């Protein structure tokens, strides 16, 4: 991957979902990035037209996730609320090992930048824990309120 001053490669988990599908279609429409969908081998989700690539990986297989995320600068995570909480941490750890720089974690609809507010809402504590983990392992998180549009 050539060095540049802008984001070229983005991986998205959940490109066939309600939130991820909208994000994927918007990125594809912009035409500025190579967008790769990462999906489970048994997924029957319909992927948006125009993706650069679809890579399959078992989310519980660290080595497979690392391989699937190689060459990506950004990882966008959009998963259902019913997915086990540890899945997102596994994805983030694999992204770190694969050389991903930015993570847009699975936190949509609520701005938890205010720590006290985040502590007061049901999903805030989990989202703060994810952000702290991202920072602890040396990656940068991107919130939906900012989006990677400002990276």
Protein backbone atom coordinates (compact mmCIF):
# COMPACT_ATOMS: atom_id res chain seq x y z
CA UNK A 1 0.00 0.00 0.00
CA UNK A 2 1.43 3.33 -1.06
CA UNK A 3 1.92 6.03 1.51
CA UNK A 4 -0.60 8.84 1.22
CA UNK A 5 -2.19 11.57 3.24
CA UNK A 6 -5.70 10.17 2.98
CA UNK A 7 -7.56 6.97 3.75
CA UNK A 8 -7.48 4.52 0.85
CA UNK A 9 -8.51 1.16 2.30
CA UNK A 10 -11.46 0.54 4.59
CA UNK A 11 -12.82 -2.72 5.95
CA UNK A 12 -16.38 -2.93 7.21
CA UNK A 13 -17.97 -5.60 9.37
CA UNK A 14 -21.72 -5.69 8.78
CA UNK A 15 -21.85 -4.30 5.24
CA UNK A 16 -25.01 -6.33 4.62
CA UNK A 17 -26.81 -4.97 7.69
CA UNK A 18 -29.09 -2.01 8.27
CA UNK A 19 -26.45 0.40 9.58
CA UNK A 20 -23.42 -1.06 7.82
CA UNK A 21 -25.27 -1.26 4.52
CA UNK A 22 -25.99 2.47 4.58
CA UNK A 23 -22.39 3.30 5.46
CA UNK A 24 -21.04 0.91 2.80
CA UNK A 25 -23.30 2.34 0.08
CA UNK A 26 -22.29 5.91 1.00
CA UNK A 27 -18.59 5.02 0.78
CA UNK A 28 -19.06 3.17 -2.50
CA UNK A 29 -20.95 6.15 -3.94
CA UNK A 30 -18.10 8.50 -2.98
CA UNK A 31 -15.70 6.34 -4.95
CA UNK A 32 -12.70 7.50 -2.92
CA UNK A 33 -11.87 4.27 -1.06
CA UNK A 34 -11.31 0.58 -1.64
CA UNK A 35 -14.04 -0.86 0.59
CA UNK A 36 -13.69 -4.44 1.75
CA UNK A 37 -16.50 -6.25 3.52
CA UNK A 38 -15.47 -8.74 6.20
CA UNK A 39 -18.16 -11.34 6.82
CA UNK A 40 -18.57 -14.69 8.51
CA UNK A 41 -18.18 -17.76 6.26
CA UNK A 42 -21.79 -18.81 6.93
CA UNK A 43 -23.34 -15.38 6.42
CA UNK A 44 -26.21 -15.15 3.97
CA UNK A 45 -26.31 -11.34 4.04
CA UNK A 46 -26.54 -9.65 0.67
CA UNK A 47 -23.55 -7.39 0.12
CA UNK A 48 -23.88 -4.01 -1.58
CA UNK A 49 -22.82 -3.72 -5.22
CA UNK A 50 -19.50 -2.02 -5.84
CA UNK A 51 -17.40 -3.40 -2.99
CA UNK A 52 -13.71 -3.74 -3.74
CA UNK A 53 -13.66 -7.18 -2.12
CA UNK A 54 -15.49 -9.52 0.26
CA UNK A 55 -13.33 -11.48 2.69
CA UNK A 56 -14.70 -14.22 4.92
CA UNK A 57 -13.41 -14.96 8.42
CA UNK A 58 -14.73 -16.71 11.50
CA UNK A 59 -14.92 -13.96 14.13
CA UNK A 60 -13.64 -16.35 16.79
CA UNK A 61 -10.52 -17.24 14.74
CA UNK A 62 -7.88 -14.62 15.52
CA UNK A 63 -5.49 -15.66 12.74
CA UNK A 64 -8.28 -15.61 10.13
CA UNK A 65 -9.37 -12.13 11.27
CA UNK A 66 -5.81 -10.80 11.12
CA UNK A 67 -5.45 -12.16 7.59
CA UNK A 68 -8.79 -10.67 6.52
CA UNK A 69 -7.83 -7.26 7.91
CA UNK A 70 -4.34 -7.04 6.38
CA UNK A 71 -3.86 -4.01 4.16
CA UNK A 72 -6.71 -2.02 5.72
CA UNK A 73 -6.26 1.43 7.25
CA UNK A 74 -9.71 1.68 8.85
CA UNK A 75 -12.06 -0.88 10.38
CA UNK A 76 -15.72 0.05 10.69
CA UNK A 77 -17.65 -2.28 12.99
CA UNK A 78 -21.43 -2.46 12.58
CA UNK A 79 -22.88 -5.48 14.32
CA UNK A 80 -26.24 -6.33 15.83
CA UNK A 81 -26.74 -5.58 19.52
CA UNK A 82 -27.21 -9.31 20.07
CA UNK A 83 -23.60 -10.16 19.10
CA UNK A 84 -21.55 -11.23 22.15
CA UNK A 85 -19.75 -8.22 23.66
CA UNK A 86 -16.32 -9.87 23.40
CA UNK A 87 -16.63 -10.15 19.61
CA UNK A 88 -15.87 -6.46 19.12
CA UNK A 89 -12.76 -6.69 21.31
CA UNK A 90 -11.57 -9.69 19.25
CA UNK A 91 -12.04 -7.69 16.06
CA UNK A 92 -10.13 -4.73 17.49
CA UNK A 93 -7.24 -6.90 18.68
CA UNK A 94 -7.01 -8.58 15.27
CA UNK A 95 -7.09 -5.16 13.58
CA UNK A 96 -4.15 -4.02 15.71
CA UNK A 97 -2.12 -7.07 14.72
CA UNK A 98 -3.06 -6.60 11.05
CA UNK A 99 -1.77 -3.02 11.04
CA UNK A 100 -5.09 -1.15 10.97
CA UNK A 101 -4.74 2.41 12.32
CA UNK A 102 -8.32 3.60 12.88
CA UNK A 103 -11.35 1.83 14.39
CA UNK A 104 -14.92 3.05 14.15
CA UNK A 105 -16.45 0.96 16.95
CA UNK A 106 -19.99 -0.35 17.10
CA UNK A 107 -21.56 2.65 18.84
CA UNK A 108 -24.28 4.36 16.88
CA UNK A 109 -26.99 6.83 17.77
CA UNK A 110 -25.53 8.22 20.99
CA UNK A 111 -22.68 10.67 21.42
CA UNK A 112 -20.77 9.31 24.41
CA UNK A 113 -18.00 11.88 24.24
CA UNK A 114 -19.37 13.21 27.54
CA UNK A 115 -18.15 10.57 30.00
CA UNK A 116 -20.75 11.35 32.67
CA UNK A 117 -23.55 11.06 30.12
CA UNK A 118 -22.11 7.77 28.90
CA UNK A 119 -22.13 6.41 32.44
CA UNK A 120 -25.79 7.38 32.81
CA UNK A 121 -27.08 5.44 29.80
CA UNK A 122 -27.39 1.70 29.38
CA UNK A 123 -24.94 1.27 26.48
CA UNK A 124 -22.47 3.96 27.51
CA UNK A 125 -20.28 1.95 29.87
CA UNK A 126 -19.64 -0.73 27.24
CA UNK A 127 -18.85 1.85 24.59
CA UNK A 128 -16.43 3.65 26.89
CA UNK A 129 -14.69 0.34 27.66
CA UNK A 130 -14.25 -0.28 23.93
CA UNK A 131 -12.86 3.21 23.34
CA UNK A 132 -10.42 2.80 26.23
CA UNK A 133 -9.28 -0.57 24.86
CA UNK A 134 -8.68 0.94 21.42
CA UNK A 135 -6.57 3.71 22.95
CA UNK A 136 -4.73 1.29 25.28
CA UNK A 137 -3.49 -0.85 22.39
CA UNK A 138 -2.35 2.22 20.45
CA UNK A 139 -5.08 2.64 17.84
CA UNK A 140 -7.29 5.64 17.17
CA UNK A 141 -11.07 5.49 17.43
CA UNK A 142 -13.43 7.40 15.21
CA UNK A 143 -16.90 8.23 16.48
CA UNK A 144 -19.90 8.33 14.20
CA UNK A 145 -20.49 11.96 15.14
CA UNK A 146 -17.17 12.74 13.48
CA UNK A 147 -16.90 9.81 11.13
CA UNK A 148 -13.78 9.09 9.15
CA UNK A 149 -14.80 11.98 6.89
CA UNK A 150 -12.70 14.16 9.19
CA UNK A 151 -9.67 11.83 9.34
